[in-house]
Amino acid sequence: MADAGSREGEGGFRVVGSETLLDVGFLQLERVRVEGHGESFDRHVVHHPGAVVVVPVLENGDALLVRQWRVATGQALLEVPAGKRDVEGEPPEVTANRELEEEIGYVGGRLDKLAEFYNSPGFCDEYTHLFLATELEERERAAVSHEEAAMTIERVPLDGVDGLIASGQLIDAKSIIGLLLARQFLAA
């Protein structure tokens, strides 16, 4: 295992080595050697460049969501627009508007940061920036992937989000977080 240099962690744990097991473009899988509390053990970490999530809301209070097929789940999911932070040095706000334009053909005239969070910190370092986009300006949709080209756009009233969650029609965590925080922000 390569020496990653000792990285002191919290709670008496420290990383003492690591080895890249797989590198597939924007994702890397690493075996990390940890010491702590008198023991040594391995953990596996997926490294991700990070993401943005955007809740675009029209003047009438409807959010624009996409229904997109996801290979990992084998189904199309109802989601807010989102994407990887895969352009080196690009500020999250710029990534947010780029993703909006690609997925729904709009950009936000106003972007408000609602939250930042780790998606699955038990095994992945993906860090997400969540925005509310209002004062939407229509642009030409610029889909860049097969899934984006096939996705559909759906209007969802913010006051109907609880029903979508309760009925199992909205099961994507980033979308649930984003829609609930957007509704709370706009009600304040």
C-alpha atoms as a PDB file:
ATOM      1  CA  MET A   1       0.000   0.000   0.000  1.00  0.00           C
ATOM      2  CA  ALA A   2       1.419   3.408  -0.928  1.00  0.00           C
ATOM      3  CA  ASP A   3       2.321   5.801   1.832  1.00  0.00           C
ATOM      4  CA  ALA A   4      -0.208   8.604   1.710  1.00  0.00           C
ATOM      5  CA  GLY A   5       1.548  10.362   4.540  1.00  0.00           C
ATOM      6  CA  SER A   6      -0.069  10.251   7.917  1.00  0.00           C
ATOM      7  CA  ARG A   7      -3.308  12.250   7.986  1.00  0.00           C
ATOM      8  CA  GLU A   8      -4.566  12.835  11.497  1.00  0.00           C
ATOM      9  CA  GLY A   9      -8.296  12.486  11.848  1.00  0.00           C
ATOM     10  CA  GLU A  10     -10.790  13.132  14.605  1.00  0.00           C
ATOM     11  CA  GLY A  11     -11.630  10.690  17.359  1.00  0.00           C
ATOM     12  CA  GLY A  12      -8.177   9.179  17.532  1.00  0.00           C
ATOM     13  CA  PHE A  13      -8.106   7.825  13.964  1.00  0.00           C
ATOM     14  CA  ARG A  14      -5.502   8.569  11.332  1.00  0.00           C
ATOM     15  CA  VAL A  15      -4.917   7.568   7.733  1.00  0.00           C
ATOM     16  CA  VAL A  16      -1.493   5.962   7.364  1.00  0.00           C
ATOM     17  CA  GLY A  17      -1.585   4.784   3.755  1.00  0.00           C
ATOM     18  CA  SER A  18      -3.699   4.431   0.666  1.00  0.00           C
ATOM     19  CA  GLU A  19      -3.816   2.685  -2.690  1.00  0.00           C
ATOM     20  CA  THR A  20      -5.848   3.550  -5.769  1.00  0.00           C
ATOM     21  CA  LEU A  21      -7.685   0.403  -6.830  1.00  0.00           C
ATOM     22  CA  LEU A  22      -9.625   1.820  -9.753  1.00  0.00           C
ATOM     23  CA  ASP A  23      -9.613   5.056 -11.752  1.00  0.00           C
ATOM     24  CA  VAL A  24     -12.493   5.452 -14.196  1.00  0.00           C
ATOM     25  CA  GLY A  25     -12.459   9.063 -15.280  1.00  0.00           C
ATOM     26  CA  PHE A  26     -14.244  11.193 -12.731  1.00  0.00           C
ATOM     27  CA  LEU A  27     -14.419   8.422 -10.076  1.00  0.00           C
ATOM     28  CA  GLN A  28     -11.604   6.739  -8.187  1.00  0.00           C
ATOM     29  CA  LEU A  29     -11.814   3.881  -5.710  1.00  0.00           C
ATOM     30  CA  GLU A  30      -9.161   3.939  -3.006  1.00  0.00           C
ATOM     31  CA  ARG A  31      -8.263   1.484  -0.247  1.00  0.00           C
ATOM     32  CA  VAL A  32      -7.346   3.529   2.834  1.00  0.00           C
ATOM     33  CA  ARG A  33      -5.327   2.118   5.738  1.00  0.00           C
ATOM     34  CA  VAL A  34      -6.501   3.542   9.069  1.00  0.00           C
ATOM     35  CA  GLU A  35      -5.019   3.278  12.551  1.00  0.00           C
ATOM     36  CA  GLY A  36      -6.911   4.092  15.683  1.00  0.00           C
ATOM     37  CA  HIS A  37      -7.740   2.830  19.136  1.00  0.00           C
ATOM     38  CA  GLY A  38      -4.927   0.283  18.986  1.00  0.00           C
ATOM     39  CA  GLU A  39      -5.996  -1.302  15.697  1.00  0.00           C
ATOM     40  CA  SER A  40      -5.237  -1.041  11.974  1.00  0.00           C
ATOM     41  CA  PHE A  41      -7.920  -1.625   9.386  1.00  0.00           C
ATOM     42  CA  ASP A  42      -8.845  -0.860   5.772  1.00  0.00           C
ATOM     43  CA  ARG A  43     -11.709   1.228   4.450  1.00  0.00           C
ATOM     44  CA  HIS A  44     -12.697   1.872   0.844  1.00  0.00           C
ATOM     45  CA  VAL A  45     -13.472   5.374  -0.394  1.00  0.00           C
ATOM     46  CA  VAL A  46     -14.984   6.513  -3.674  1.00  0.00           C
ATOM     47  CA  HIS A  47     -13.581   9.896  -4.705  1.00  0.00           C
ATOM     48  CA  HIS A  48     -16.008  12.143  -6.628  1.00  0.00           C
ATOM     49  CA  PRO A  49     -15.411  15.692  -7.952  1.00  0.00           C
ATOM     50  CA  GLY A  50     -18.510  17.017  -6.198  1.00  0.00           C
ATOM     51  CA  ALA A  51     -21.854  18.148  -7.509  1.00  0.00           C
ATOM     52  CA  VAL A  52     -24.382  20.930  -7.729  1.00  0.00           C
ATOM     53  CA  VAL A  53     -28.121  20.578  -7.221  1.00  0.00           C
ATOM     54  CA  VAL A  54     -30.508  23.280  -8.384  1.00  0.00           C
ATOM     55  CA  VAL A  55     -34.191  23.770  -7.580  1.00  0.00           C
ATOM     56  CA  PRO A  56     -35.556  25.988 -10.373  1.00  0.00           C
ATOM     57  CA  VAL A  57     -38.809  27.675  -9.344  1.00  0.00           C
ATOM     58  CA  LEU A  58     -41.105  29.607 -11.688  1.00  0.00           C
ATOM     59  CA  GLU A  59     -42.931  32.775 -10.623  1.00  0.00           C
ATOM     60  CA  ASN A  60     -46.131  30.763 -10.001  1.00  0.00           C
ATOM     61  CA  GLY A  61     -44.374  28.550  -7.418  1.00  0.00           C
ATOM     62  CA  ASP A  62     -43.928  25.477  -9.610  1.00  0.00           C
ATOM     63  CA  ALA A  63     -40.549  23.761  -9.586  1.00  0.00           C
ATOM     64  CA  LEU A  64     -39.153  22.389 -12.832  1.00  0.00           C
ATOM     65  CA  LEU A  65     -38.011  18.793 -12.374  1.00  0.00           C
ATOM     66  CA  VAL A  66     -36.657  16.210 -14.755  1.00  0.00           C
ATOM     67  CA  ARG A  67     -37.571  12.573 -15.133  1.00  0.00           C
ATOM     68  CA  GLN A  68     -34.358  10.792 -16.001  1.00  0.00           C
ATOM     69  CA  TRP A  69     -33.446   7.138 -16.428  1.00  0.00           C
ATOM     70  CA  ARG A  70     -30.764   6.093 -13.940  1.00  0.00           C
ATOM     71  CA  VAL A  71     -28.779   2.959 -14.699  1.00  0.00           C
ATOM     72  CA  ALA A  72     -27.923   2.353 -11.016  1.00  0.00           C
ATOM     73  CA  THR A  73     -31.616   2.061 -10.097  1.00  0.00           C
ATOM     74  CA  GLY A  74     -32.873   0.615 -13.380  1.00  0.00           C
ATOM     75  CA  GLN A  75     -35.676   3.178 -13.503  1.00  0.00           C
ATOM     76  CA  ALA A  76     -36.519   6.741 -14.384  1.00  0.00           C
ATOM     77  CA  LEU A  77     -36.472   9.013 -11.336  1.00  0.00           C
ATOM     78  CA  LEU A  78     -38.118  12.375 -10.745  1.00  0.00           C
ATOM     79  CA  GLU A  79     -35.288  14.752  -9.792  1.00  0.00           C
ATOM     80  CA  VAL A  80     -34.253  18.368  -9.592  1.00  0.00           C
ATOM     81  CA  PRO A  81     -31.524  19.324 -12.090  1.00  0.00           C
ATOM     82  CA  ALA A  82     -28.035  18.376 -10.906  1.00  0.00           C
ATOM     83  CA  GLY A  83     -24.600  17.619 -12.200  1.00  0.00           C
ATOM     84  CA  LYS A  84     -20.942  16.975 -11.505  1.00  0.00           C
ATOM     85  CA  ARG A  85     -18.437  19.709 -10.732  1.00  0.00           C
ATOM     86  CA  ASP A  86     -16.231  18.425 -13.516  1.00  0.00           C
ATOM     87  CA  VAL A  87     -14.845  21.706 -14.897  1.00  0.00           C
ATOM     88  CA  GLU A  88     -11.607  22.568 -13.087  1.00  0.00           C
ATOM     89  CA  GLY A  89     -11.890  25.825 -11.115  1.00  0.00           C
ATOM     90  CA  GLU A  90     -15.509  26.503 -12.111  1.00  0.00           C
ATOM     91  CA  PRO A  91     -17.447  28.172  -9.250  1.00  0.00           C
ATOM     92  CA  PRO A  92     -20.487  26.172  -8.063  1.00  0.00           C
ATOM     93  CA  GLU A  93     -22.857  28.967  -9.181  1.00  0.00           C
ATOM     94  CA  VAL A  94     -21.550  28.738 -12.741  1.00  0.00           C
ATOM     95  CA  THR A  95     -21.886  24.947 -12.698  1.00  0.00           C
ATOM     96  CA  ALA A  96     -25.456  25.343 -11.424  1.00  0.00           C
ATOM     97  CA  ASN A  97     -26.503  27.535 -14.345  1.00  0.00           C
ATOM     98  CA  ARG A  98     -24.655  25.326 -16.842  1.00  0.00           C
ATOM     99  CA  GLU A  99     -26.582  22.294 -15.564  1.00  0.00           C
ATOM    100  CA  LEU A 100     -29.888  24.191 -15.698  1.00  0.00           C
ATOM    101  CA  GLU A 101     -29.264  25.152 -19.315  1.00  0.00           C
ATOM    102  CA  GLU A 102     -28.256  21.605 -20.291  1.00  0.00           C
ATOM    103  CA  GLU A 103     -31.157  19.896 -18.544  1.00  0.00           C
ATOM    104  CA  ILE A 104     -34.140  22.259 -18.743  1.00  0.00           C
ATOM    105  CA  GLY A 105     -33.192  25.147 -21.040  1.00  0.00           C
ATOM    106  CA  TYR A 106     -33.173  27.865 -18.372  1.00  0.00           C
ATOM    107  CA  VAL A 107     -30.647  29.766 -16.264  1.00  0.00           C
ATOM    108  CA  GLY A 108     -31.324  31.398 -12.934  1.00  0.00           C
ATOM    109  CA  GLY A 109     -31.322  35.191 -12.848  1.00  0.00           C
ATOM    110  CA  ARG A 110     -31.001  34.728  -9.101  1.00  0.00           C
ATOM    111  CA  LEU A 111     -29.267  31.857  -7.292  1.00  0.00           C
ATOM    112  CA  ASP A 112     -29.555  31.449  -3.522  1.00  0.00           C
ATOM    113  CA  LYS A 113     -27.362  28.918  -1.701  1.00  0.00           C
ATOM    114  CA  LEU A 114     -29.629  26.693   0.406  1.00  0.00           C
ATOM    115  CA  ALA A 115     -27.147  24.135   1.759  1.00  0.00           C
ATOM    116  CA  GLU A 116     -23.992  22.118   1.283  1.00  0.00           C
ATOM    117  CA  PHE A 117     -23.790  18.442   2.192  1.00  0.00           C
ATOM    118  CA  TYR A 118     -22.038  15.108   1.770  1.00  0.00           C
ATOM    119  CA  ASN A 119     -24.214  12.653  -0.131  1.00  0.00           C
ATOM    120  CA  SER A 120     -22.999   9.314   1.272  1.00  0.00           C
ATOM    121  CA  PRO A 121     -20.096   9.967   3.676  1.00  0.00           C
ATOM    122  CA  GLY A 122     -19.882   6.345   4.764  1.00  0.00           C
ATOM    123  CA  PHE A 123     -18.018   5.489   1.556  1.00  0.00           C
ATOM    124  CA  CYS A 124     -17.866   8.529  -0.757  1.00  0.00           C
ATOM    125  CA  ASP A 125     -16.440  12.060  -0.524  1.00  0.00           C
ATOM    126  CA  GLU A 126     -18.983  13.601  -2.955  1.00  0.00           C
ATOM    127  CA  TYR A 127     -19.784  17.111  -1.674  1.00  0.00           C
ATOM    128  CA  THR A 128     -22.848  18.897  -3.020  1.00  0.00           C
ATOM    129  CA  HIS A 129     -23.774  22.572  -3.312  1.00  0.00           C
ATOM    130  CA  LEU A 130     -27.553  23.136  -3.326  1.00  0.00           C
ATOM    131  CA  PHE A 131     -29.104  26.231  -4.889  1.00  0.00           C
ATOM    132  CA  LEU A 132     -32.531  27.734  -5.413  1.00  0.00           C
ATOM    133  CA  ALA A 133     -32.842  29.313  -8.880  1.00  0.00           C
ATOM    134  CA  THR A 134     -35.479  32.007  -9.424  1.00  0.00           C
ATOM    135  CA  GLU A 135     -36.003  34.786 -11.977  1.00  0.00           C
ATOM    136  CA  LEU A 136     -35.531  32.083 -14.613  1.00  0.00           C
ATOM    137  CA  GLU A 137     -34.423  33.095 -18.091  1.00  0.00           C
ATOM    138  CA  GLU A 138     -35.230  30.740 -20.961  1.00  0.00           C
ATOM    139  CA  ARG A 139     -32.352  29.518 -23.122  1.00  0.00           C
ATOM    140  CA  GLU A 140     -31.894  26.833 -25.715  1.00  0.00           C
ATOM    141  CA  ARG A 141     -31.624  23.453 -24.025  1.00  0.00           C
ATOM    142  CA  ALA A 142     -28.099  22.102 -24.442  1.00  0.00           C
ATOM    143  CA  ALA A 143     -28.315  18.419 -23.451  1.00  0.00           C
ATOM    144  CA  VAL A 144     -24.908  16.734 -23.555  1.00  0.00           C
ATOM    145  CA  SER A 145     -25.563  13.116 -22.509  1.00  0.00           C
ATOM    146  CA  HIS A 146     -27.805  10.337 -23.798  1.00  0.00           C
ATOM    147  CA  GLU A 147     -29.861  10.465 -20.603  1.00  0.00           C
ATOM    148  CA  GLU A 148     -30.253  14.266 -20.757  1.00  0.00           C
ATOM    149  CA  ALA A 149     -31.416  14.062 -24.374  1.00  0.00           C
ATOM    150  CA  ALA A 150     -34.117  11.553 -23.375  1.00  0.00           C
ATOM    151  CA  MET A 151     -35.236  13.165 -20.098  1.00  0.00           C
ATOM    152  CA  THR A 152     -38.583  14.890 -19.744  1.00  0.00           C
ATOM    153  CA  ILE A 153     -39.293  18.098 -17.853  1.00  0.00           C
ATOM    154  CA  GLU A 154     -42.169  18.179 -15.347  1.00  0.00           C
ATOM    155  CA  ARG A 155     -43.733  21.025 -13.371  1.00  0.00           C
ATOM    156  CA  VAL A 156     -44.353  20.260  -9.718  1.00  0.00           C
ATOM    157  CA  PRO A 157     -46.119  22.677  -7.359  1.00  0.00           C
ATOM    158  CA  LEU A 158     -43.987  23.135  -4.230  1.00  0.00           C
ATOM    159  CA  ASP A 159     -47.082  22.622  -2.081  1.00  0.00           C
ATOM    160  CA  GLY A 160     -47.465  19.146  -3.640  1.00  0.00           C
ATOM    161  CA  VAL A 161     -43.999  17.872  -2.668  1.00  0.00           C
ATOM    162  CA  ASP A 162     -45.137  16.187   0.581  1.00  0.00           C
ATOM    163  CA  GLY A 163     -47.656  14.105  -1.365  1.00  0.00           C
ATOM    164  CA  LEU A 164     -45.034  13.042  -3.915  1.00  0.00           C
ATOM    165  CA  ILE A 165     -42.725  11.920  -1.110  1.00  0.00           C
ATOM    166  CA  ALA A 166     -45.480  10.105   0.795  1.00  0.00           C
ATOM    167  CA  SER A 167     -46.661   8.278  -2.340  1.00  0.00           C
ATOM    168  CA  GLY A 168     -43.143   7.160  -3.303  1.00  0.00           C
ATOM    169  CA  GLN A 169     -43.162   9.157  -6.545  1.00  0.00           C
ATOM    170  CA  LEU A 170     -40.235  11.277  -5.292  1.00  0.00           C
ATOM    171  CA  ILE A 171     -37.485   9.031  -3.897  1.00  0.00           C
ATOM    172  CA  ASP A 172     -34.280  10.879  -4.812  1.00  0.00           C
ATOM    173  CA  ALA A 173     -32.634  12.253  -1.648  1.00  0.00           C
ATOM    174  CA  LYS A 174     -31.022  15.361  -3.163  1.00  0.00           C
ATOM    175  CA  SER A 175     -34.350  16.319  -4.711  1.00  0.00           C
ATOM    176  CA  ILE A 176     -36.281  15.817  -1.475  1.00  0.00           C
ATOM    177  CA  ILE A 177     -33.732  17.918   0.436  1.00  0.00           C
ATOM    178  CA  GLY A 178     -33.704  20.607  -2.248  1.00  0.00           C
ATOM    179  CA  LEU A 179     -37.455  20.907  -2.674  1.00  0.00           C
ATOM    180  CA  LEU A 180     -38.175  21.032   1.064  1.00  0.00           C
ATOM    181  CA  LEU A 181     -35.466  23.649   1.677  1.00  0.00           C
ATOM    182  CA  ALA A 182     -36.596  25.704  -1.340  1.00  0.00           C
ATOM    183  CA  ARG A 183     -40.175  25.722  -0.073  1.00  0.00           C
ATOM    184  CA  GLN A 184     -39.009  26.796   3.395  1.00  0.00           C
ATOM    185  CA  PHE A 185     -36.750  29.542   1.954  1.00  0.00           C
ATOM    186  CA  LEU A 186     -39.519  30.960  -0.243  1.00  0.00           C
ATOM    187  CA  ALA A 187     -42.038  30.917   2.633  1.00  0.00           C
ATOM    188  CA  ALA A 188     -39.736  32.999   4.888  1.00  0.00           C
END
